[in-house]
Structures are given as C-alpha cells and as structure tokens.
C-alpha cells in the first residue's frame, strides 16, 4: 500500500546510528555502575573495609553514577527530539485503482498483496468527505476451499 523511506540508519555518519550506539552504551554502563555500587557497599558493610577501599567513598560512587546517568539521559532526550523533529520520513503511496462508491473515490488495499481467489473480508474506512479506504483481508486462501 505504501512505502516508508527513511534516512539509512545503518550509515555510521548518520546521527541516529550514533545515538543508538550511545543508548546501548548507556544501558550497559548503568548496569555496570549499579553492580559496582553494590560491590562497594557490600565491601563496606559485610567485610567492614575502609570506606575508601574502592578509590572513592560509597557516597562519591553514587554521586558519580547519578551524574553519569543524568548525562546519558540528556543525550537520550536529545536523540528523541532529533528523531521526532529532524528525521525525514516520507510516505509514498503506490498507484491506486480509482473507483467510485456513493460518489466517493475508493482506495483499495488488499492483504496479502496481489492475492486472487479465496474468501475476503471488506472493511470501509472514511478518510474524508471525498474518499473511502477499502481494506480487503484474505480470511481463507483459495487452497483451503
């Protein structure tokens, strides 16, 4: 029925691809930081180690992880703003078979495409005052009749 064309997300120069890599890094780093804070806290509480045994105190590790997560959260927000406002999404409609129903132009979409025979359901959806969309879904393929 329609084709959706987008900028290639696999292109390394594409900012969307870069944001996806940073997003995965964010999740990985957040999990590692959480596990490290648990290890530091366990070392202090269970093993009664010095509070600075992991180079920083527990409070400083928590502060470091909060700042890191906030930085990545801002990057994630920028990613969503970029994809929402600046990503080019073009929808091209294929050729339709113009047909009239009660004086309205009928656009037909068949699922699966170009299937012949069998039993179809037909659903009509009014697009505007001049247009109607007919959706034909194949319920029973011709091989099963």
Foldseek 3Di string as FASTA:
>chain_A
DKDKDWPDLVDPPDVLVVLVVLVVVLVVVLVVLVVVLVVLVCCCPVVVDDQCPVVRGSVVSVVVSVVSNVVSVVSVVVSVVCCVPPIDIDMDDDDADFDDDPQATEGEDEPPPPADDADWDWDWDAPDPRYIYIYIYHPGHRVVD
